[in-house]
Amino acid sequence: MGVKVKGSVFAEGLRRAGLRECLGGGITRHALADAAEALIAYAWLNGYVALDECVAVMGKTVDAVEGLSALLATVKKKVTFP
């Protein structure tokens, strides 16, 4: 069974990972959270990160925001867009 993570946690993780600047202005926290979730899913589904790697990265952190920030930073390093 999964755990529900608040959108504000995803949005803050996105900001701390340095990805907020990649999105335009005037975006709600909800949209930022959706973008963070989508980026993680994209990276996993396309083989940029494995599920065990995601768990390992997040497991090394103290809280959810720090964990998502670290995971998004890892994704940022690995994903290349055309």
C-alpha atoms as a PDB file:
ATOM      1  CA  MET A   1       0.000   0.000   0.000  1.00  0.00           C
ATOM      2  CA  GLY A   2       1.331   3.445  -0.914  1.00  0.00           C
ATOM      3  CA  VAL A   3       1.574   6.654   1.026  1.00  0.00           C
ATOM      4  CA  LYS A   4      -0.017   9.903  -0.126  1.00  0.00           C
ATOM      5  CA  VAL A   5       2.490  12.720  -0.443  1.00  0.00           C
ATOM      6  CA  LYS A   6       1.273  16.310  -0.327  1.00  0.00           C
ATOM      7  CA  GLY A   7       1.722  18.374  -3.453  1.00  0.00           C
ATOM      8  CA  SER A   8       3.618  20.989  -1.484  1.00  0.00           C
ATOM      9  CA  VAL A   9       6.311  18.380  -0.737  1.00  0.00           C
ATOM     10  CA  PHE A  10       6.724  17.604  -4.447  1.00  0.00           C
ATOM     11  CA  ALA A  11       6.739  21.314  -5.330  1.00  0.00           C
ATOM     12  CA  GLU A  12       9.404  22.111  -2.722  1.00  0.00           C
ATOM     13  CA  GLY A  13      11.496  19.142  -3.867  1.00  0.00           C
ATOM     14  CA  LEU A  14      11.314  20.447  -7.429  1.00  0.00           C
ATOM     15  CA  ARG A  15      12.451  23.892  -6.269  1.00  0.00           C
ATOM     16  CA  ARG A  16      15.338  22.534  -4.173  1.00  0.00           C
ATOM     17  CA  ALA A  17      16.513  20.359  -7.075  1.00  0.00           C
ATOM     18  CA  GLY A  18      16.905  23.471  -9.217  1.00  0.00           C
ATOM     19  CA  LEU A  19      14.156  22.523 -11.646  1.00  0.00           C
ATOM     20  CA  ARG A  20      11.707  25.329 -10.863  1.00  0.00           C
ATOM     21  CA  GLU A  21      13.532  27.633 -13.260  1.00  0.00           C
ATOM     22  CA  CYS A  22      12.759  25.241 -16.135  1.00  0.00           C
ATOM     23  CA  LEU A  23       9.059  25.983 -15.803  1.00  0.00           C
ATOM     24  CA  GLY A  24       7.406  29.271 -16.629  1.00  0.00           C
ATOM     25  CA  GLY A  25       6.092  31.748 -14.139  1.00  0.00           C
ATOM     26  CA  GLY A  26       2.582  31.815 -12.755  1.00  0.00           C
ATOM     27  CA  ILE A  27       2.411  28.078 -12.131  1.00  0.00           C
ATOM     28  CA  THR A  28       0.507  26.858  -9.093  1.00  0.00           C
ATOM     29  CA  ARG A  29       2.041  24.555  -6.492  1.00  0.00           C
ATOM     30  CA  HIS A  30      -0.366  21.896  -7.702  1.00  0.00           C
ATOM     31  CA  ALA A  31       0.994  22.168 -11.253  1.00  0.00           C
ATOM     32  CA  LEU A  32       4.569  22.082  -9.910  1.00  0.00           C
ATOM     33  CA  ALA A  33       3.759  18.916  -7.973  1.00  0.00           C
ATOM     34  CA  ASP A  34       2.241  17.359 -11.093  1.00  0.00           C
ATOM     35  CA  ALA A  35       5.384  18.247 -13.063  1.00  0.00           C
ATOM     36  CA  ALA A  36       7.631  16.665 -10.429  1.00  0.00           C
ATOM     37  CA  GLU A  37       5.583  13.463 -10.394  1.00  0.00           C
ATOM     38  CA  ALA A  38       5.530  13.351 -14.185  1.00  0.00           C
ATOM     39  CA  LEU A  39       9.295  13.812 -14.443  1.00  0.00           C
ATOM     40  CA  ILE A  40       9.962  10.983 -11.990  1.00  0.00           C
ATOM     41  CA  ALA A  41       7.518   8.708 -13.822  1.00  0.00           C
ATOM     42  CA  TYR A  42       9.058   9.620 -17.194  1.00  0.00           C
ATOM     43  CA  ALA A  43      12.557   8.846 -15.950  1.00  0.00           C
ATOM     44  CA  TRP A  44      11.481   5.506 -14.484  1.00  0.00           C
ATOM     45  CA  LEU A  45       9.370   4.398 -17.459  1.00  0.00           C
ATOM     46  CA  ASN A  46      12.125   5.261 -19.938  1.00  0.00           C
ATOM     47  CA  GLY A  47      14.875   3.494 -17.997  1.00  0.00           C
ATOM     48  CA  TYR A  48      16.804   6.535 -16.793  1.00  0.00           C
ATOM     49  CA  VAL A  49      16.377   5.428 -13.167  1.00  0.00           C
ATOM     50  CA  ALA A  50      15.440   2.063 -11.695  1.00  0.00           C
ATOM     51  CA  LEU A  51      12.944   1.637  -8.904  1.00  0.00           C
ATOM     52  CA  ASP A  52      15.612   0.323  -6.530  1.00  0.00           C
ATOM     53  CA  GLU A  53      17.747   3.389  -7.268  1.00  0.00           C
ATOM     54  CA  CYS A  54      14.799   5.670  -6.453  1.00  0.00           C
ATOM     55  CA  VAL A  55      14.276   3.879  -3.155  1.00  0.00           C
ATOM     56  CA  ALA A  56      18.001   4.005  -2.341  1.00  0.00           C
ATOM     57  CA  VAL A  57      18.256   7.753  -3.059  1.00  0.00           C
ATOM     58  CA  MET A  58      15.209   8.583  -0.983  1.00  0.00           C
ATOM     59  CA  GLY A  59      16.241   6.190   1.794  1.00  0.00           C
ATOM     60  CA  LYS A  60      19.442   8.141   2.423  1.00  0.00           C
ATOM     61  CA  THR A  61      17.544  11.281   3.418  1.00  0.00           C
ATOM     62  CA  VAL A  62      15.925  12.491   6.614  1.00  0.00           C
ATOM     63  CA  ASP A  63      12.567  13.753   5.342  1.00  0.00           C
ATOM     64  CA  ALA A  64      10.293  13.580   2.301  1.00  0.00           C
ATOM     65  CA  VAL A  65      11.222  16.976   0.850  1.00  0.00           C
ATOM     66  CA  GLU A  66      14.925  16.206   1.033  1.00  0.00           C
ATOM     67  CA  GLY A  67      14.307  12.756  -0.459  1.00  0.00           C
ATOM     68  CA  LEU A  68      12.290  14.045  -3.395  1.00  0.00           C
ATOM     69  CA  SER A  69      14.809  16.820  -3.954  1.00  0.00           C
ATOM     70  CA  ALA A  70      17.637  14.272  -4.102  1.00  0.00           C
ATOM     71  CA  LEU A  71      15.627  12.019  -6.408  1.00  0.00           C
ATOM     72  CA  LEU A  72      14.728  14.893  -8.731  1.00  0.00           C
ATOM     73  CA  ALA A  73      18.376  16.032  -8.789  1.00  0.00           C
ATOM     74  CA  THR A  74      19.379  12.485  -9.782  1.00  0.00           C
ATOM     75  CA  VAL A  75      16.748  12.462 -12.516  1.00  0.00           C
ATOM     76  CA  LYS A  76      17.913  15.901 -13.678  1.00  0.00           C
ATOM     77  CA  LYS A  77      21.441  14.542 -14.180  1.00  0.00           C
ATOM     78  CA  LYS A  78      20.308  11.482 -16.106  1.00  0.00           C
ATOM     79  CA  VAL A  79      17.424  12.584 -18.326  1.00  0.00           C
ATOM     80  CA  THR A  80      18.282  14.144 -21.661  1.00  0.00           C
ATOM     81  CA  PHE A  81      15.657  15.773 -23.815  1.00  0.00           C
ATOM     82  CA  PRO A  82      15.910  16.124 -27.582  1.00  0.00           C
END
